[in-house]
Amino acid sequence: MPYVQSAGAEIYYESQGSGDAILFAHGAGGNAGIWFEQVAAFSDRYQCISFDHRTFARSAADPATISPTQFRDDALAILDAAGVEQAHVVAQSMGGWTALRLLLDTPHRVRSV
């Protein structure tokens, strides 16, 4: 189970498959596991990366650190740890904060949303 350090938090992530990367960002009440069907469908031709946002499931962090900017930084730390320069981003609900901040602040890291 890989973790990455990001601003005082250990962020859990999973990576399966190979090819262009897809980063899956879950909504409130979810975690990396909600994407199991998408990962199964796409991991034969894409590198599928799912993760637990900070304070969710296996990513322990101070709840005071929840912010769209921090979610962006956590996602960038995951992409860096996975050796991914650019990813497609799929987001659900709260995960949209992550996708939007990535796109607006680091468009060179986002292939599509």
N, C-alpha and C. Protein backbone atom coordinates (compact mmCIF):
# COMPACT_ATOMS: atom_id res chain seq x y z
N MET A 1 0.83 -1.18 0.00
CA MET A 1 0.00 0.00 0.00
C MET A 1 0.88 1.25 0.00
N PRO A 2 0.95 1.94 -1.10
CA PRO A 2 1.81 3.13 -1.14
C PRO A 2 1.17 4.36 -0.48
N TYR A 3 2.02 5.10 0.16
CA TYR A 3 1.65 6.39 0.75
C TYR A 3 2.63 7.43 0.25
N VAL A 4 2.18 8.67 0.22
CA VAL A 4 3.06 9.78 -0.11
C VAL A 4 2.89 10.83 0.99
N GLN A 5 3.97 11.49 1.35
CA GLN A 5 3.92 12.57 2.33
C GLN A 5 3.53 13.86 1.63
N SER A 6 2.58 14.58 2.22
CA SER A 6 2.15 15.85 1.65
C SER A 6 1.70 16.76 2.79
N ALA A 7 2.47 17.79 3.04
CA ALA A 7 2.11 18.82 4.04
C ALA A 7 1.66 18.21 5.37
N GLY A 8 2.48 17.32 5.90
CA GLY A 8 2.20 16.74 7.21
C GLY A 8 1.20 15.61 7.22
N ALA A 9 0.77 15.15 6.08
CA ALA A 9 -0.19 14.04 6.01
C ALA A 9 0.40 12.90 5.20
N GLU A 10 -0.01 11.69 5.55
CA GLU A 10 0.31 10.52 4.74
C GLU A 10 -0.90 10.24 3.86
N ILE A 11 -0.72 10.39 2.56
CA ILE A 11 -1.83 10.22 1.62
C ILE A 11 -1.72 8.84 0.97
N TYR A 12 -2.76 8.05 1.14
CA TYR A 12 -2.82 6.70 0.57
C TYR A 12 -3.23 6.77 -0.90
N TYR A 13 -2.56 5.96 -1.73
CA TYR A 13 -2.98 5.85 -3.12
C TYR A 13 -2.71 4.46 -3.66
N GLU A 14 -3.39 4.12 -4.74
CA GLU A 14 -3.23 2.85 -5.44
C GLU A 14 -2.97 3.14 -6.90
N SER A 15 -2.15 2.33 -7.54
CA SER A 15 -1.88 2.48 -8.96
C SER A 15 -1.92 1.11 -9.61
N GLN A 16 -2.72 0.98 -10.67
CA GLN A 16 -2.84 -0.28 -11.40
C GLN A 16 -2.82 0.01 -12.89
N GLY A 17 -2.23 -0.90 -13.63
CA GLY A 17 -2.21 -0.79 -15.08
C GLY A 17 -1.04 0.04 -15.57
N SER A 18 -1.02 0.27 -16.88
CA SER A 18 0.03 1.07 -17.49
C SER A 18 -0.53 1.79 -18.71
N GLY A 19 0.20 2.81 -19.12
CA GLY A 19 -0.25 3.67 -20.22
C GLY A 19 -0.47 5.07 -19.70
N ASP A 20 -1.20 5.88 -20.46
CA ASP A 20 -1.56 7.21 -19.98
C ASP A 20 -2.25 7.08 -18.63
N ALA A 21 -2.03 8.04 -17.76
CA ALA A 21 -2.58 7.96 -16.40
C ALA A 21 -3.96 8.59 -16.31
N ILE A 22 -4.79 7.96 -15.49
CA ILE A 22 -6.08 8.53 -15.07
C ILE A 22 -6.02 8.65 -13.55
N LEU A 23 -6.25 9.85 -13.04
CA LEU A 23 -6.32 10.08 -11.60
C LEU A 23 -7.79 10.17 -11.21
N PHE A 24 -8.22 9.33 -10.28
CA PHE A 24 -9.60 9.30 -9.81
C PHE A 24 -9.69 9.97 -8.44
N ALA A 25 -10.49 11.03 -8.33
CA ALA A 25 -10.66 11.78 -7.09
C ALA A 25 -12.09 11.60 -6.57
N HIS A 26 -12.23 10.97 -5.42
CA HIS A 26 -13.54 10.64 -4.87
C HIS A 26 -14.22 11.84 -4.21
N GLY A 27 -15.50 11.67 -3.92
CA GLY A 27 -16.28 12.68 -3.23
C GLY A 27 -16.32 12.46 -1.73
N ALA A 28 -16.97 13.37 -1.03
CA ALA A 28 -17.12 13.26 0.42
C ALA A 28 -17.85 11.95 0.76
N GLY A 29 -17.36 11.27 1.74
CA GLY A 29 -17.95 10.00 2.13
C GLY A 29 -17.38 8.82 1.37
N GLY A 30 -16.51 9.07 0.39
CA GLY A 30 -15.92 8.00 -0.39
C GLY A 30 -14.47 7.76 -0.01
N ASN A 31 -13.81 6.97 -0.82
CA ASN A 31 -12.37 6.72 -0.71
C ASN A 31 -11.92 6.08 -2.02
N ALA A 32 -10.67 5.68 -2.08
CA ALA A 32 -10.12 5.10 -3.31
C ALA A 32 -10.93 3.92 -3.81
N GLY A 33 -11.55 3.18 -2.89
CA GLY A 33 -12.26 1.97 -3.25
C GLY A 33 -13.50 2.17 -4.11
N ILE A 34 -14.05 3.38 -4.13
CA ILE A 34 -15.28 3.57 -4.91
C ILE A 34 -15.05 3.43 -6.41
N TRP A 35 -13.80 3.49 -6.83
CA TRP A 35 -13.49 3.46 -8.26
C TRP A 35 -13.18 2.05 -8.76
N PHE A 36 -13.52 1.00 -7.99
CA PHE A 36 -13.11 -0.36 -8.37
C PHE A 36 -13.61 -0.77 -9.75
N GLU A 37 -14.81 -0.38 -10.12
CA GLU A 37 -15.32 -0.77 -11.44
C GLU A 37 -14.62 -0.02 -12.57
N GLN A 38 -14.32 1.26 -12.35
CA GLN A 38 -13.61 2.05 -13.36
C GLN A 38 -12.18 1.54 -13.52
N VAL A 39 -11.53 1.23 -12.40
CA VAL A 39 -10.17 0.71 -12.47
C VAL A 39 -10.16 -0.62 -13.24
N ALA A 40 -11.11 -1.48 -12.95
CA ALA A 40 -11.20 -2.76 -13.67
C ALA A 40 -11.42 -2.55 -15.16
N ALA A 41 -12.21 -1.56 -15.52
CA ALA A 41 -12.54 -1.31 -16.93
C ALA A 41 -11.40 -0.66 -17.69
N PHE A 42 -10.56 0.15 -17.04
CA PHE A 42 -9.56 0.93 -17.75
C PHE A 42 -8.11 0.49 -17.53
N SER A 43 -7.84 -0.33 -16.52
CA SER A 43 -6.44 -0.62 -16.19
C SER A 43 -5.74 -1.51 -17.21
N ASP A 44 -6.46 -2.05 -18.17
CA ASP A 44 -5.79 -2.83 -19.22
C ASP A 44 -5.10 -1.93 -20.24
N ARG A 45 -5.45 -0.62 -20.24
CA ARG A 45 -4.81 0.29 -21.20
C ARG A 45 -4.40 1.63 -20.60
N TYR A 46 -4.70 1.86 -19.34
CA TYR A 46 -4.33 3.10 -18.64
C TYR A 46 -3.72 2.78 -17.29
N GLN A 47 -2.89 3.67 -16.81
CA GLN A 47 -2.43 3.61 -15.42
C GLN A 47 -3.52 4.29 -14.59
N CYS A 48 -4.20 3.53 -13.78
CA CYS A 48 -5.31 4.04 -12.98
C CYS A 48 -4.83 4.32 -11.56
N ILE A 49 -4.94 5.58 -11.15
CA ILE A 49 -4.49 5.99 -9.83
C ILE A 49 -5.70 6.49 -9.05
N SER A 50 -5.98 5.84 -7.94
CA SER A 50 -7.04 6.30 -7.04
C SER A 50 -6.41 6.55 -5.68
N PHE A 51 -7.04 7.40 -4.89
CA PHE A 51 -6.44 7.76 -3.61
C PHE A 51 -7.52 8.15 -2.61
N ASP A 52 -7.13 8.16 -1.35
CA ASP A 52 -8.00 8.65 -0.28
C ASP A 52 -7.62 10.09 -0.01
N HIS A 53 -8.55 11.02 -0.22
CA HIS A 53 -8.28 12.41 0.13
C HIS A 53 -7.87 12.50 1.60
N ARG A 54 -7.14 13.55 1.96
CA ARG A 54 -6.74 13.72 3.36
C ARG A 54 -7.97 13.73 4.27
N THR A 55 -7.83 13.07 5.38
CA THR A 55 -8.84 12.82 6.42
C THR A 55 -9.85 11.74 6.05
N PHE A 56 -9.75 11.13 4.89
CA PHE A 56 -10.65 10.07 4.49
C PHE A 56 -9.92 8.73 4.53
N ALA A 57 -10.60 7.72 5.07
CA ALA A 57 -10.13 6.33 5.10
C ALA A 57 -8.68 6.24 5.58
N ARG A 58 -7.75 5.85 4.69
CA ARG A 58 -6.36 5.57 5.08
C ARG A 58 -5.45 6.78 5.04
N SER A 59 -5.97 7.96 4.74
CA SER A 59 -5.15 9.19 4.68
C SER A 59 -5.43 10.06 5.90
N ALA A 60 -4.74 9.75 6.98
CA ALA A 60 -4.94 10.49 8.23
C ALA A 60 -4.34 11.89 8.12
N ALA A 61 -5.11 12.88 8.57
CA ALA A 61 -4.63 14.27 8.58
C ALA A 61 -5.53 15.08 9.49
N ASP A 62 -5.05 16.22 9.90
CA ASP A 62 -5.82 17.15 10.71
C ASP A 62 -6.97 17.70 9.86
N PRO A 63 -8.21 17.58 10.31
CA PRO A 63 -9.35 18.09 9.53
C PRO A 63 -9.23 19.58 9.19
N ALA A 64 -8.48 20.33 9.99
CA ALA A 64 -8.30 21.76 9.71
C ALA A 64 -7.51 21.99 8.43
N THR A 65 -6.88 20.93 7.91
CA THR A 65 -6.05 21.10 6.69
C THR A 65 -6.83 20.81 5.42
N ILE A 66 -8.12 20.54 5.51
CA ILE A 66 -8.91 20.28 4.31
C ILE A 66 -9.14 21.59 3.56
N SER A 67 -8.69 21.62 2.30
CA SER A 67 -8.93 22.77 1.43
C SER A 67 -8.70 22.34 -0.01
N PRO A 68 -9.35 23.01 -0.96
CA PRO A 68 -9.09 22.68 -2.36
C PRO A 68 -7.61 22.82 -2.73
N THR A 69 -6.94 23.79 -2.17
CA THR A 69 -5.51 23.98 -2.47
C THR A 69 -4.71 22.80 -1.94
N GLN A 70 -5.03 22.34 -0.75
CA GLN A 70 -4.30 21.20 -0.20
C GLN A 70 -4.61 19.93 -0.97
N PHE A 71 -5.87 19.76 -1.39
CA PHE A 71 -6.21 18.61 -2.22
C PHE A 71 -5.38 18.61 -3.50
N ARG A 72 -5.21 19.78 -4.10
CA ARG A 72 -4.37 19.91 -5.31
C ARG A 72 -2.95 19.46 -5.01
N ASP A 73 -2.40 19.96 -3.93
CA ASP A 73 -1.02 19.61 -3.58
C ASP A 73 -0.86 18.13 -3.28
N ASP A 74 -1.85 17.54 -2.63
CA ASP A 74 -1.82 16.10 -2.38
C ASP A 74 -1.83 15.32 -3.69
N ALA A 75 -2.69 15.72 -4.62
CA ALA A 75 -2.76 15.05 -5.92
C ALA A 75 -1.45 15.18 -6.68
N LEU A 76 -0.84 16.35 -6.62
CA LEU A 76 0.45 16.54 -7.29
C LEU A 76 1.52 15.66 -6.66
N ALA A 77 1.50 15.53 -5.34
CA ALA A 77 2.46 14.66 -4.66
C ALA A 77 2.28 13.21 -5.10
N ILE A 78 1.04 12.79 -5.27
CA ILE A 78 0.75 11.43 -5.74
C ILE A 78 1.26 11.25 -7.17
N LEU A 79 0.94 12.19 -8.05
CA LEU A 79 1.42 12.08 -9.43
C LEU A 79 2.94 12.03 -9.49
N ASP A 80 3.59 12.87 -8.70
CA ASP A 80 5.06 12.87 -8.66
C ASP A 80 5.59 11.52 -8.19
N ALA A 81 5.01 10.99 -7.11
CA ALA A 81 5.46 9.70 -6.56
C ALA A 81 5.26 8.57 -7.56
N ALA A 82 4.19 8.66 -8.36
CA ALA A 82 3.90 7.64 -9.37
C ALA A 82 4.66 7.86 -10.66
N GLY A 83 5.44 8.94 -10.74
CA GLY A 83 6.21 9.23 -11.95
C GLY A 83 5.35 9.69 -13.11
N VAL A 84 4.24 10.34 -12.82
CA VAL A 84 3.29 10.77 -13.85
C VAL A 84 3.43 12.28 -14.07
N GLU A 85 3.72 12.65 -15.29
CA GLU A 85 3.86 14.07 -15.63
C GLU A 85 2.52 14.72 -15.93
N GLN A 86 1.60 13.93 -16.55
CA GLN A 86 0.31 14.46 -16.98
C GLN A 86 -0.74 13.36 -16.84
N ALA A 87 -1.94 13.73 -16.38
CA ALA A 87 -2.99 12.72 -16.17
C ALA A 87 -4.35 13.25 -16.62
N HIS A 88 -5.19 12.31 -17.04
CA HIS A 88 -6.61 12.58 -17.18
C HIS A 88 -7.14 12.58 -15.74
N VAL A 89 -8.08 13.45 -15.43
CA VAL A 89 -8.61 13.51 -14.07
C VAL A 89 -10.11 13.26 -14.10
N VAL A 90 -10.54 12.27 -13.33
CA VAL A 90 -11.95 11.94 -13.19
C VAL A 90 -12.32 12.24 -11.74
N ALA A 91 -13.35 13.04 -11.55
CA ALA A 91 -13.71 13.47 -10.19
C ALA A 91 -15.19 13.32 -9.96
N GLN A 92 -15.54 13.07 -8.72
CA GLN A 92 -16.93 12.94 -8.30
C GLN A 92 -17.13 13.84 -7.09
N SER A 93 -18.13 14.71 -7.15
CA SER A 93 -18.53 15.57 -6.04
C SER A 93 -17.34 16.37 -5.50
N MET A 94 -16.98 16.18 -4.23
CA MET A 94 -15.88 16.91 -3.60
C MET A 94 -14.57 16.76 -4.38
N GLY A 95 -14.39 15.64 -5.05
CA GLY A 95 -13.20 15.43 -5.86
C GLY A 95 -13.06 16.47 -6.96
N GLY A 96 -14.18 17.12 -7.29
CA GLY A 96 -14.14 18.21 -8.26
C GLY A 96 -13.27 19.36 -7.80
N TRP A 97 -13.18 19.57 -6.48
CA TRP A 97 -12.26 20.60 -5.96
C TRP A 97 -10.84 20.27 -6.40
N THR A 98 -10.48 19.00 -6.28
CA THR A 98 -9.14 18.56 -6.67
C THR A 98 -8.93 18.77 -8.16
N ALA A 99 -9.88 18.30 -8.96
CA ALA A 99 -9.76 18.41 -10.41
C ALA A 99 -9.67 19.86 -10.86
N LEU A 100 -10.51 20.70 -10.33
CA LEU A 100 -10.53 22.10 -10.74
C LEU A 100 -9.24 22.83 -10.36
N ARG A 101 -8.77 22.62 -9.13
CA ARG A 101 -7.52 23.28 -8.71
C ARG A 101 -6.35 22.78 -9.54
N LEU A 102 -6.31 21.48 -9.85
CA LEU A 102 -5.25 20.96 -10.71
C LEU A 102 -5.29 21.64 -12.08
N LEU A 103 -6.48 21.71 -12.66
CA LEU A 103 -6.62 22.29 -14.00
C LEU A 103 -6.28 23.77 -14.02
N LEU A 104 -6.78 24.53 -13.06
CA LEU A 104 -6.56 25.97 -13.06
C LEU A 104 -5.13 26.35 -12.68
N ASP A 105 -4.54 25.62 -11.73
CA ASP A 105 -3.23 26.00 -11.20
C ASP A 105 -2.06 25.31 -11.89
N THR A 106 -2.29 24.12 -12.43
CA THR A 106 -1.20 23.38 -13.08
C THR A 106 -1.72 22.72 -14.37
N PRO A 107 -2.19 23.52 -15.32
CA PRO A 107 -2.80 22.94 -16.52
C PRO A 107 -1.85 22.03 -17.30
N HIS A 108 -0.57 22.22 -17.17
CA HIS A 108 0.40 21.37 -17.86
C HIS A 108 0.43 19.95 -17.31
N ARG A 109 -0.20 19.72 -16.14
CA ARG A 109 -0.23 18.38 -15.53
C ARG A 109 -1.53 17.64 -15.86
N VAL A 110 -2.48 18.33 -16.51
CA VAL A 110 -3.81 17.76 -16.75
C VAL A 110 -4.03 17.55 -18.26
N ARG A 111 -4.31 16.30 -18.65
CA ARG A 111 -4.62 16.00 -20.05
C ARG A 111 -6.08 16.29 -20.36
N SER A 112 -6.95 15.96 -19.42
CA SER A 112 -8.38 16.20 -19.57
C SER A 112 -9.04 16.09 -18.20
N VAL A 113 -10.25 16.62 -18.11
CA VAL A 113 -11.06 16.50 -16.89
C VAL A 113 -12.40 15.97 -17.30
